[in-house]
Amino acid sequence: MSKILEKSLKDARKEDNLTMGAKQVLISVKNSKLIILSQSIKKEMFEKIEFDAKKEKIPLVNFQGTSVALGRLCGLQFRISTISFTSIDDASIKSILKDTEVEKKND
């Protein structure tokens, strides 16, 4: 997974600019700048978040790992199926999206 995503997650966590958990993210989609979804998210929740994110024009990243891996990436000891950034600069968003596209092509 990209170093820019890992750094952005850790920085946002320190500054309390993250919303964690599928239900919380779904509630706060309008306040999101970028949404990260793990492979462990339930299909119906994924579809709801995806629909709302498209409606609000918020970029989605399908994290190529489980909720355990996403939690670890944030430096946490528990699973996280979904994360949204409530504050992140546009350059970081573009870098994360570019890195995830490259990873998809390499798989």
N, C-alpha and C. Protein backbone atom coordinates (compact mmCIF):
# COMPACT_ATOMS: atom_id res chain seq x y z
N MET A 1 0.85 -1.19 0.00
CA MET A 1 0.00 0.00 0.00
C MET A 1 0.89 1.24 0.00
N SER A 2 0.38 2.29 -0.54
CA SER A 2 1.18 3.49 -0.75
C SER A 2 1.62 4.15 0.55
N LYS A 3 2.83 4.67 0.51
CA LYS A 3 3.39 5.38 1.67
C LYS A 3 2.62 6.68 1.91
N ILE A 4 2.15 7.30 0.83
CA ILE A 4 1.41 8.56 0.98
C ILE A 4 0.11 8.32 1.74
N LEU A 5 -0.56 7.19 1.48
CA LEU A 5 -1.79 6.87 2.20
C LEU A 5 -1.49 6.63 3.67
N GLU A 6 -0.45 5.85 3.93
CA GLU A 6 -0.07 5.56 5.31
C GLU A 6 0.26 6.84 6.08
N LYS A 7 1.06 7.72 5.47
CA LYS A 7 1.42 8.99 6.11
C LYS A 7 0.18 9.86 6.31
N SER A 8 -0.68 9.94 5.30
CA SER A 8 -1.89 10.75 5.40
C SER A 8 -2.81 10.25 6.51
N LEU A 9 -2.93 8.92 6.61
CA LEU A 9 -3.77 8.34 7.67
C LEU A 9 -3.23 8.68 9.06
N LYS A 10 -1.93 8.52 9.23
CA LYS A 10 -1.33 8.79 10.55
C LYS A 10 -1.43 10.28 10.91
N ASP A 11 -1.18 11.14 9.92
CA ASP A 11 -1.28 12.59 10.17
C ASP A 11 -2.72 12.98 10.50
N ALA A 12 -3.67 12.46 9.73
CA ALA A 12 -5.08 12.80 9.96
C ALA A 12 -5.55 12.27 11.31
N ARG A 13 -5.04 11.12 11.72
CA ARG A 13 -5.42 10.57 13.02
C ARG A 13 -4.90 11.45 14.16
N LYS A 14 -3.68 11.93 14.02
CA LYS A 14 -3.10 12.82 15.03
C LYS A 14 -3.92 14.11 15.15
N GLU A 15 -4.38 14.61 14.00
CA GLU A 15 -5.11 15.88 13.97
C GLU A 15 -6.62 15.68 14.10
N ASP A 16 -7.04 14.44 14.32
CA ASP A 16 -8.46 14.10 14.48
C ASP A 16 -9.28 14.51 13.25
N ASN A 17 -8.74 14.20 12.06
CA ASN A 17 -9.42 14.52 10.81
C ASN A 17 -9.92 13.27 10.10
N LEU A 18 -10.21 12.22 10.87
CA LEU A 18 -10.70 10.95 10.32
C LEU A 18 -12.04 10.60 10.94
N THR A 19 -12.88 9.95 10.14
CA THR A 19 -14.07 9.30 10.65
C THR A 19 -13.87 7.82 10.38
N MET A 20 -14.03 6.98 11.40
CA MET A 20 -13.76 5.55 11.25
C MET A 20 -15.02 4.73 11.46
N GLY A 21 -15.16 3.67 10.67
CA GLY A 21 -16.29 2.77 10.78
C GLY A 21 -17.33 3.06 9.72
N ALA A 22 -17.89 2.01 9.15
CA ALA A 22 -18.83 2.15 8.03
C ALA A 22 -20.06 2.98 8.39
N LYS A 23 -20.65 2.75 9.55
CA LYS A 23 -21.86 3.50 9.93
C LYS A 23 -21.56 4.98 10.12
N GLN A 24 -20.45 5.27 10.79
CA GLN A 24 -20.09 6.66 11.02
C GLN A 24 -19.75 7.37 9.71
N VAL A 25 -19.05 6.67 8.82
CA VAL A 25 -18.71 7.26 7.52
C VAL A 25 -19.97 7.53 6.71
N LEU A 26 -20.90 6.58 6.73
CA LEU A 26 -22.15 6.75 5.99
C LEU A 26 -22.92 7.98 6.49
N ILE A 27 -22.92 8.19 7.79
CA ILE A 27 -23.60 9.35 8.38
C ILE A 27 -22.92 10.66 7.98
N SER A 28 -21.60 10.62 7.85
CA SER A 28 -20.85 11.86 7.62
C SER A 28 -20.27 11.99 6.21
N VAL A 29 -20.87 11.33 5.23
CA VAL A 29 -20.36 11.38 3.86
C VAL A 29 -20.21 12.82 3.37
N LYS A 30 -21.16 13.68 3.66
CA LYS A 30 -21.12 15.06 3.17
C LYS A 30 -19.91 15.84 3.69
N ASN A 31 -19.37 15.43 4.85
CA ASN A 31 -18.20 16.11 5.43
C ASN A 31 -16.89 15.49 4.98
N SER A 32 -16.96 14.48 4.14
CA SER A 32 -15.76 13.73 3.73
C SER A 32 -15.08 14.36 2.52
N LYS A 33 -13.77 14.18 2.48
CA LYS A 33 -12.97 14.61 1.32
C LYS A 33 -12.50 13.40 0.52
N LEU A 34 -12.31 12.27 1.21
CA LEU A 34 -11.84 11.03 0.60
C LEU A 34 -12.29 9.87 1.48
N ILE A 35 -12.75 8.78 0.86
CA ILE A 35 -13.21 7.62 1.61
C ILE A 35 -12.39 6.40 1.21
N ILE A 36 -11.93 5.66 2.22
CA ILE A 36 -11.15 4.44 2.02
C ILE A 36 -12.01 3.26 2.48
N LEU A 37 -12.18 2.27 1.61
CA LEU A 37 -12.99 1.09 1.91
C LEU A 37 -12.12 -0.16 1.87
N SER A 38 -12.14 -0.96 2.94
CA SER A 38 -11.37 -2.21 2.93
C SER A 38 -12.15 -3.29 2.19
N GLN A 39 -11.49 -4.39 1.92
CA GLN A 39 -12.15 -5.50 1.25
C GLN A 39 -13.13 -6.22 2.18
N SER A 40 -13.05 -5.95 3.48
CA SER A 40 -13.90 -6.63 4.46
C SER A 40 -15.28 -6.01 4.63
N ILE A 41 -15.53 -4.88 4.01
CA ILE A 41 -16.81 -4.20 4.21
C ILE A 41 -17.94 -5.02 3.59
N LYS A 42 -19.07 -5.03 4.28
CA LYS A 42 -20.23 -5.78 3.77
C LYS A 42 -20.74 -5.13 2.50
N LYS A 43 -21.19 -5.98 1.57
CA LYS A 43 -21.60 -5.52 0.24
C LYS A 43 -22.67 -4.43 0.30
N GLU A 44 -23.69 -4.62 1.13
CA GLU A 44 -24.77 -3.62 1.18
C GLU A 44 -24.30 -2.28 1.74
N MET A 45 -23.39 -2.31 2.69
CA MET A 45 -22.84 -1.07 3.24
C MET A 45 -21.93 -0.41 2.20
N PHE A 46 -21.15 -1.22 1.49
CA PHE A 46 -20.30 -0.70 0.41
C PHE A 46 -21.16 0.03 -0.61
N GLU A 47 -22.26 -0.58 -1.02
CA GLU A 47 -23.13 0.02 -2.04
C GLU A 47 -23.75 1.33 -1.57
N LYS A 48 -24.15 1.39 -0.29
CA LYS A 48 -24.73 2.62 0.25
C LYS A 48 -23.70 3.75 0.26
N ILE A 49 -22.51 3.43 0.75
CA ILE A 49 -21.45 4.44 0.82
C ILE A 49 -21.05 4.88 -0.58
N GLU A 50 -20.92 3.92 -1.49
CA GLU A 50 -20.54 4.24 -2.86
C GLU A 50 -21.57 5.15 -3.52
N PHE A 51 -22.86 4.85 -3.32
CA PHE A 51 -23.94 5.66 -3.89
C PHE A 51 -23.88 7.09 -3.36
N ASP A 52 -23.79 7.23 -2.03
CA ASP A 52 -23.73 8.57 -1.42
C ASP A 52 -22.48 9.33 -1.84
N ALA A 53 -21.35 8.63 -1.92
CA ALA A 53 -20.10 9.29 -2.30
C ALA A 53 -20.17 9.79 -3.74
N LYS A 54 -20.73 9.01 -4.63
CA LYS A 54 -20.86 9.45 -6.03
C LYS A 54 -21.79 10.66 -6.12
N LYS A 55 -22.86 10.62 -5.35
CA LYS A 55 -23.81 11.73 -5.34
C LYS A 55 -23.13 13.02 -4.87
N GLU A 56 -22.26 12.91 -3.90
CA GLU A 56 -21.55 14.07 -3.34
C GLU A 56 -20.21 14.34 -4.05
N LYS A 57 -19.88 13.51 -5.05
CA LYS A 57 -18.63 13.64 -5.81
C LYS A 57 -17.38 13.52 -4.92
N ILE A 58 -17.42 12.52 -4.03
CA ILE A 58 -16.29 12.26 -3.14
C ILE A 58 -15.54 11.04 -3.66
N PRO A 59 -14.22 11.16 -3.83
CA PRO A 59 -13.46 10.01 -4.34
C PRO A 59 -13.43 8.85 -3.35
N LEU A 60 -13.49 7.63 -3.91
CA LEU A 60 -13.42 6.39 -3.13
C LEU A 60 -12.15 5.65 -3.48
N VAL A 61 -11.54 5.04 -2.46
CA VAL A 61 -10.39 4.18 -2.69
C VAL A 61 -10.73 2.80 -2.13
N ASN A 62 -10.62 1.79 -2.98
CA ASN A 62 -10.80 0.41 -2.53
C ASN A 62 -9.45 -0.10 -2.06
N PHE A 63 -9.28 -0.11 -0.75
CA PHE A 63 -8.04 -0.56 -0.12
C PHE A 63 -7.85 -2.04 -0.40
N GLN A 64 -6.71 -2.40 -0.94
CA GLN A 64 -6.43 -3.79 -1.31
C GLN A 64 -5.94 -4.59 -0.10
N GLY A 65 -6.77 -4.63 0.93
CA GLY A 65 -6.44 -5.36 2.14
C GLY A 65 -7.67 -5.48 3.01
N THR A 66 -7.53 -6.23 4.08
CA THR A 66 -8.65 -6.45 5.00
C THR A 66 -8.81 -5.30 5.97
N SER A 67 -9.85 -5.37 6.77
CA SER A 67 -10.08 -4.36 7.80
C SER A 67 -8.97 -4.41 8.86
N VAL A 68 -8.40 -5.58 9.09
CA VAL A 68 -7.28 -5.71 10.03
C VAL A 68 -6.08 -4.93 9.50
N ALA A 69 -5.78 -5.10 8.21
CA ALA A 69 -4.65 -4.39 7.59
C ALA A 69 -4.87 -2.88 7.59
N LEU A 70 -6.10 -2.45 7.36
CA LEU A 70 -6.40 -1.02 7.36
C LEU A 70 -6.24 -0.45 8.77
N GLY A 71 -6.69 -1.18 9.77
CA GLY A 71 -6.50 -0.75 11.15
C GLY A 71 -5.03 -0.62 11.51
N ARG A 72 -4.24 -1.59 11.09
CA ARG A 72 -2.79 -1.56 11.36
C ARG A 72 -2.13 -0.37 10.65
N LEU A 73 -2.59 -0.10 9.43
CA LEU A 73 -2.03 1.01 8.67
C LEU A 73 -2.23 2.33 9.42
N CYS A 74 -3.32 2.41 10.17
CA CYS A 74 -3.60 3.61 10.98
C CYS A 74 -2.88 3.57 12.32
N GLY A 75 -2.21 2.47 12.61
CA GLY A 75 -1.52 2.33 13.88
C GLY A 75 -2.45 1.92 15.01
N LEU A 76 -3.54 1.25 14.66
CA LEU A 76 -4.53 0.84 15.66
C LEU A 76 -4.51 -0.68 15.83
N GLN A 77 -4.99 -1.14 16.98
CA GLN A 77 -5.00 -2.56 17.30
C GLN A 77 -6.34 -3.23 16.99
N PHE A 78 -7.19 -2.58 16.22
CA PHE A 78 -8.48 -3.16 15.90
C PHE A 78 -8.82 -2.96 14.43
N ARG A 79 -9.85 -3.68 13.99
CA ARG A 79 -10.26 -3.64 12.58
C ARG A 79 -11.00 -2.35 12.25
N ILE A 80 -10.77 -1.88 11.02
CA ILE A 80 -11.50 -0.72 10.53
C ILE A 80 -11.90 -1.03 9.09
N SER A 81 -13.18 -1.10 8.84
CA SER A 81 -13.64 -1.45 7.49
C SER A 81 -13.66 -0.23 6.56
N THR A 82 -13.88 0.94 7.14
CA THR A 82 -14.02 2.16 6.33
C THR A 82 -13.47 3.36 7.09
N ILE A 83 -12.83 4.23 6.34
CA ILE A 83 -12.30 5.48 6.91
C ILE A 83 -12.62 6.61 5.94
N SER A 84 -12.97 7.76 6.50
CA SER A 84 -13.09 8.94 5.64
C SER A 84 -12.24 10.05 6.23
N PHE A 85 -11.61 10.78 5.33
CA PHE A 85 -10.83 11.96 5.73
C PHE A 85 -11.79 13.14 5.75
N THR A 86 -11.84 13.86 6.86
CA THR A 86 -12.66 15.06 6.93
C THR A 86 -11.85 16.29 6.51
N SER A 87 -10.54 16.12 6.49
CA SER A 87 -9.66 17.21 6.04
C SER A 87 -8.40 16.59 5.46
N ILE A 88 -8.14 16.89 4.20
CA ILE A 88 -6.93 16.42 3.52
C ILE A 88 -6.74 17.32 2.30
N ASP A 89 -5.49 17.64 1.99
CA ASP A 89 -5.26 18.55 0.87
C ASP A 89 -5.43 17.81 -0.47
N ASP A 90 -5.76 18.58 -1.49
CA ASP A 90 -6.03 18.03 -2.82
C ASP A 90 -4.84 17.28 -3.41
N ALA A 91 -3.64 17.75 -3.14
CA ALA A 91 -2.44 17.09 -3.67
C ALA A 91 -2.31 15.67 -3.10
N SER A 92 -2.61 15.51 -1.82
CA SER A 92 -2.56 14.19 -1.19
C SER A 92 -3.62 13.27 -1.77
N ILE A 93 -4.82 13.81 -1.98
CA ILE A 93 -5.90 13.02 -2.57
C ILE A 93 -5.47 12.51 -3.95
N LYS A 94 -4.94 13.40 -4.76
CA LYS A 94 -4.51 13.02 -6.12
C LYS A 94 -3.41 11.96 -6.07
N SER A 95 -2.45 12.12 -5.15
CA SER A 95 -1.37 11.14 -5.02
C SER A 95 -1.88 9.78 -4.59
N ILE A 96 -2.80 9.77 -3.63
CA ILE A 96 -3.38 8.50 -3.15
C ILE A 96 -4.15 7.82 -4.26
N LEU A 97 -4.98 8.58 -4.98
CA LEU A 97 -5.76 8.01 -6.08
C LEU A 97 -4.83 7.48 -7.18
N LYS A 98 -3.77 8.21 -7.49
CA LYS A 98 -2.82 7.77 -8.51
C LYS A 98 -2.12 6.49 -8.07
N ASP A 99 -1.67 6.43 -6.81
CA ASP A 99 -1.00 5.23 -6.29
C ASP A 99 -1.91 4.01 -6.31
N THR A 100 -3.17 4.18 -5.96
CA THR A 100 -4.09 3.04 -5.94
C THR A 100 -4.40 2.57 -7.35
N GLU A 101 -4.43 3.46 -8.32
CA GLU A 101 -4.63 3.05 -9.71
C GLU A 101 -3.45 2.22 -10.19
N VAL A 102 -2.23 2.65 -9.85
CA VAL A 102 -1.02 1.92 -10.23
C VAL A 102 -1.04 0.53 -9.60
N GLU A 103 -1.44 0.42 -8.32
CA GLU A 103 -1.50 -0.87 -7.64
C GLU A 103 -2.50 -1.81 -8.31
N LYS A 104 -3.65 -1.28 -8.71
CA LYS A 104 -4.66 -2.11 -9.39
C LYS A 104 -4.10 -2.69 -10.67
N LYS A 105 -3.36 -1.87 -11.43
CA LYS A 105 -2.80 -2.32 -12.70
C LYS A 105 -1.73 -3.39 -12.49
N ASN A 106 -1.01 -3.30 -11.37
CA ASN A 106 0.06 -4.26 -11.08
C ASN A 106 -0.45 -5.59 -10.54
N ASP A 107 -1.71 -5.64 -10.09
CA ASP A 107 -2.26 -6.89 -9.53
C ASP A 107 -2.63 -7.88 -10.59
